[in-house]
Protein backbone atom coordinates (compact mmCIF):
# COMPACT_ATOMS: atom_id res chain seq x y z
CA MET A 1 -4.04 -1.95 -30.02
CA SER A 2 -4.89 -1.49 -26.47
CA LYS A 3 -8.41 -1.30 -25.42
CA ILE A 4 -10.36 2.15 -25.64
CA LEU A 5 -12.86 2.65 -22.57
CA SER A 6 -15.67 4.75 -21.82
CA THR A 7 -16.21 6.32 -18.37
CA SER A 8 -19.08 3.80 -17.55
CA ASP A 9 -16.35 1.07 -17.44
CA LEU A 10 -14.76 2.90 -14.46
CA LYS A 11 -14.94 1.50 -10.94
CA ALA A 12 -14.16 3.07 -7.51
CA GLY A 13 -10.43 2.90 -6.83
CA ASP A 14 -9.31 2.84 -10.42
CA VAL A 15 -6.31 5.03 -10.89
CA ILE A 16 -6.42 7.73 -13.44
CA LEU A 17 -3.05 8.50 -15.20
CA CYS A 18 -3.04 11.51 -17.53
CA PHE A 19 -0.88 11.78 -20.46
CA GLU A 20 0.87 15.01 -21.32
CA ASN A 21 0.02 17.11 -24.28
CA SER A 22 0.90 20.36 -26.02
CA LYS A 23 -1.19 22.47 -23.83
CA PHE A 24 0.46 21.10 -20.41
CA ASP A 25 2.20 23.66 -18.09
CA PRO A 26 5.79 23.97 -17.24
CA LEU A 27 5.28 21.80 -13.98
CA GLY A 28 4.20 19.09 -16.18
CA LYS A 29 7.25 19.51 -18.31
CA LYS A 30 9.44 19.24 -15.07
CA ILE A 31 7.58 16.21 -14.00
CA GLN A 32 8.14 14.59 -17.41
CA LYS A 33 11.79 15.35 -17.45
CA VAL A 34 12.51 14.13 -14.05
CA THR A 35 10.54 11.00 -14.10
CA GLY A 36 11.21 9.96 -17.78
CA SER A 37 7.36 9.31 -18.18
CA GLU A 38 4.75 11.20 -20.38
CA TYR A 39 2.16 10.52 -17.70
CA VAL A 40 2.41 13.80 -15.57
CA HIS A 41 -0.56 13.57 -13.20
CA ALA A 42 -2.74 11.04 -11.46
CA GLY A 43 -6.14 11.01 -9.64
CA ILE A 44 -8.24 8.25 -8.12
CA PHE A 45 -11.79 7.51 -9.06
CA LEU A 46 -14.38 7.58 -6.40
CA GLY A 47 -17.24 6.48 -8.32
CA ASP A 48 -20.42 8.44 -9.17
CA ASN A 49 -18.33 10.10 -11.95
CA MET A 50 -16.04 11.83 -9.59
CA VAL A 51 -12.18 11.91 -9.39
CA VAL A 52 -10.16 13.11 -6.36
CA GLU A 53 -6.92 14.93 -7.56
CA SER A 54 -4.29 17.11 -6.12
CA MET A 55 -3.89 20.18 -8.41
CA THR A 56 -1.70 23.01 -7.97
CA SER A 57 -4.62 24.92 -6.50
CA GLY A 58 -4.99 22.19 -3.95
CA LEU A 59 -7.03 19.00 -3.40
CA THR A 60 -10.09 18.76 -5.35
CA LYS A 61 -12.97 16.50 -6.47
CA GLU A 62 -13.64 16.91 -9.96
CA SER A 63 -15.90 15.06 -12.60
CA ILE A 64 -14.17 12.46 -14.70
CA SER A 65 -15.20 14.19 -17.81
CA ASN A 66 -13.57 17.52 -16.99
CA VAL A 67 -10.32 15.55 -16.12
CA ILE A 68 -10.32 13.78 -19.26
CA ALA A 69 -10.96 16.92 -21.18
CA ARG A 70 -7.87 18.51 -20.03
CA TYR A 71 -5.57 15.79 -21.59
CA ASP A 72 -5.18 14.05 -24.88
CA HIS A 73 -5.91 10.77 -23.20
CA VAL A 74 -5.82 9.11 -19.88
CA ALA A 75 -4.82 5.56 -19.02
CA ILE A 76 -6.66 3.58 -16.52
CA ILE A 77 -5.09 0.94 -14.02
CA ARG A 78 -6.94 -1.22 -11.68
CA ARG A 79 -6.07 -3.28 -8.60
CA HIS A 80 -8.89 -5.79 -8.80
CA ASP A 81 -8.66 -7.26 -5.24
CA ALA A 82 -7.91 -3.86 -3.29
CA TRP A 83 -11.33 -2.26 -3.49
CA CYS A 84 -13.79 -4.35 -1.73
CA GLU A 85 -17.03 -2.43 -0.52
CA SER A 86 -15.51 -1.85 2.77
CA ASN A 87 -12.39 -0.28 1.34
CA ILE A 88 -14.56 1.74 -0.93
CA VAL A 89 -16.16 3.33 2.07
CA LEU A 90 -12.66 3.94 3.61
CA LEU A 91 -11.63 5.63 0.40
CA ARG A 92 -14.45 7.98 0.32
CA TYR A 93 -14.19 8.78 3.83
CA PHE A 94 -10.57 9.42 3.61
CA ALA A 95 -11.09 11.65 0.45
CA GLU A 96 -13.82 13.71 2.19
CA LYS A 97 -11.53 14.10 5.34
CA ALA A 98 -8.53 15.34 3.20
CA LEU A 99 -10.86 17.77 1.24
CA GLU A 100 -12.30 19.26 4.48
CA THR A 101 -8.75 20.03 5.50
CA GLY A 102 -8.29 22.22 2.64
CA CYS A 103 -5.00 20.24 1.60
CA LYS A 104 -2.57 22.36 -0.54
CA TYR A 105 -0.37 21.17 -3.20
CA ASN A 106 2.87 19.86 -2.10
CA PHE A 107 5.16 21.99 -4.42
CA SER A 108 8.26 21.27 -2.34
CA GLY A 109 7.82 17.68 -2.65
CA VAL A 110 7.73 17.97 -6.55
CA MET A 111 10.88 20.30 -6.60
CA LYS A 112 12.77 17.76 -4.37
CA PHE A 113 11.37 14.55 -5.72
CA LYS A 114 14.45 13.25 -7.56
CA GLN A 115 16.72 13.79 -4.29
CA SER A 116 14.01 12.46 -2.09
CA LYS A 117 13.42 9.40 -4.06
CA GLN A 118 17.33 8.62 -4.30
CA LEU A 119 17.58 9.14 -0.45
CA HIS A 120 14.78 6.74 0.27
CA GLU A 121 16.00 4.01 -2.00
CA ALA A 122 19.34 4.44 -0.34
CA THR A 123 18.11 4.35 3.09
CA VAL A 124 15.06 2.02 2.85
CA ILE A 125 16.76 -1.07 4.64
CA GLN A 126 17.51 1.02 7.64
CA GLN A 127 14.15 2.58 7.59
CA LEU A 128 12.55 -0.87 7.71
CA GLU A 129 14.92 -1.89 10.76
CA ASP A 130 13.96 1.48 12.58
CA TYR A 131 10.34 0.68 11.99
CA PHE A 132 10.44 -2.73 13.33
CA SER A 133 12.63 -1.96 16.30
CA GLY A 134 10.13 0.77 17.22
CA ASN A 135 12.37 3.79 16.51
CA MET A 136 10.37 5.17 13.83
CA VAL A 137 7.24 7.31 14.20
CA GLN A 138 4.40 6.03 11.99
CA LYS A 139 3.33 8.78 9.40
CA SER A 140 -0.38 9.48 8.98
CA PRO A 141 -1.57 9.40 5.33
CA LEU A 142 -3.66 12.51 6.41
CA LYS A 143 -1.59 15.49 5.56
CA HIS A 144 -1.82 19.04 4.83
CA GLN A 145 -0.42 18.89 1.49
CA TYR A 146 -0.02 16.34 -1.37
CA PHE A 147 1.28 16.27 -5.04
CA CYS A 148 -0.92 14.27 -7.26
CA SER A 149 0.39 10.80 -7.10
CA GLU A 150 1.59 11.08 -3.40
CA PHE A 151 -2.26 11.57 -2.61
CA VAL A 152 -3.18 8.33 -4.67
CA VAL A 153 -0.49 6.17 -2.83
CA ASP A 154 -1.70 7.78 0.51
CA CYS A 155 -5.34 6.46 -0.48
CA PHE A 156 -4.00 2.91 -0.62
CA ILE A 157 -2.26 3.40 2.68
CA ALA A 158 -5.38 4.89 4.25
CA THR A 159 -7.63 1.98 3.32
CA GLY A 160 -5.13 -0.28 4.89
CA PHE A 161 -4.42 -2.10 1.47
CA ILE A 162 -0.86 -1.07 1.99
CA ASP A 163 -0.21 -1.70 5.68
CA GLN A 164 1.82 0.37 7.87
CA SER A 165 4.91 -1.69 7.66
CA ALA A 166 4.77 -1.67 3.91
CA ALA A 167 4.21 1.94 3.94
CA VAL A 168 7.62 2.50 5.10
CA TYR A 169 8.94 0.97 1.59
CA TYR A 170 5.93 2.66 -0.22
CA ASN A 171 6.86 6.23 0.85
CA SER A 172 4.12 8.43 -0.88
CA GLU A 173 6.52 11.09 -1.54
CA THR A 174 8.84 9.02 -3.91
CA PHE A 175 6.08 7.91 -6.37
CA ALA A 176 5.47 9.67 -9.46
CA PRO A 177 2.52 9.40 -11.76
CA GLY A 178 4.53 7.15 -13.97
CA ASP A 179 5.61 5.06 -11.15
CA LEU A 180 2.04 4.01 -10.37
CA GLY A 181 1.79 2.38 -13.64
CA LYS A 182 4.81 0.34 -13.37
CA ASP A 183 4.04 -1.05 -9.90
CA PRO A 184 1.15 -3.74 -9.82
CA THR A 185 0.45 -2.80 -6.10
CA PHE A 186 -1.55 0.06 -7.55
CA GLY A 187 -3.13 -1.93 -10.45
CA TYR A 188 -2.76 -3.31 -13.98
CA PHE A 189 -3.57 -1.48 -17.16
CA LEU A 190 -7.19 -1.50 -18.04
CA GLY A 191 -7.26 0.66 -21.16
CA TYR A 192 -7.54 4.35 -22.45
CA ILE A 193 -10.08 7.11 -22.44
CA SER A 194 -10.16 10.11 -24.54
CA ASP A 195 -12.95 12.78 -25.13
CA ASP A 196 -11.95 12.81 -29.04
CA GLU A 197 -13.72 9.81 -30.66
CA ASN A 198 -11.21 10.02 -33.35
CA TYR A 199 -8.19 10.18 -31.13
CA GLN A 200 -5.32 7.61 -31.98
CA VAL A 201 -3.15 6.66 -28.85
CA PRO A 202 0.50 7.13 -29.86
CA GLU A 203 2.00 3.59 -30.46
CA ALA A 204 4.96 4.56 -28.47
CA ASP A 205 2.82 4.99 -25.45
CA GLU A 206 4.12 2.94 -22.63
CA PHE A 207 1.00 0.80 -22.07
CA TYR A 208 0.25 0.43 -25.99
CA ASN A 209 1.38 -3.11 -26.17
CA GLN A 210 0.77 -4.23 -22.61
CA SER A 211 -1.70 -6.92 -21.71
CA THR A 212 -4.91 -5.33 -20.24
CA TRP A 213 -6.55 -6.07 -16.80
CA GLU A 214 -9.18 -8.19 -18.48
CA ASP A 215 -6.53 -10.05 -20.47
CA ILE A 216 -4.90 -11.18 -17.26
CA PHE A 217 -7.84 -11.57 -14.93
CA GLU A 218 -10.96 -12.21 -16.77
CA SER A 219 -9.49 -15.17 -18.85
CA LYS A 220 -8.98 -16.97 -15.45
CA THR A 221 -12.64 -16.79 -14.50
């Protein structure tokens, strides 16, 4: 079985992927239907037990324990080389700036997600050509609204781990929570956390039989 973690195992920059449960709302059901993943929400860990996440009420900073309590379990993914100390500083600065602006939830982005993703995939080569020919205006990762995984991707862009040219391909509005767990740009599976000590992660979970971050990287040290 995949590794069970505690909140003390987390590091700044870890991505929190939240698994659906019987209590989740109609928006979560729509996300699951459109994306095909049972991970319907995402946030990013800042350290000091705090997570930044975009909720339907807007962008917010919440304790990791409160985030975990809302779901049956969460999966943690970690990009080991993304979060040097200088990038952590940039991450926290970007998160605080976004919080200060009172960012709303990107409802329209969620509702149009499938169409936006299809259009992006069909036109990404042209977009890259436009970027390198100077015919595309660069988008700022600091926006007035985000849906949850959109904000996580924009954190990677804001810190420079995903540079501006790559950001054309990594269009934050085309990444669902489940997509983050399938793309190693955002991290490798680290383990699960649940606030129920007797909880059993379903064997059908998409990360259940994956090698963990430690299996991949700690064995090489």
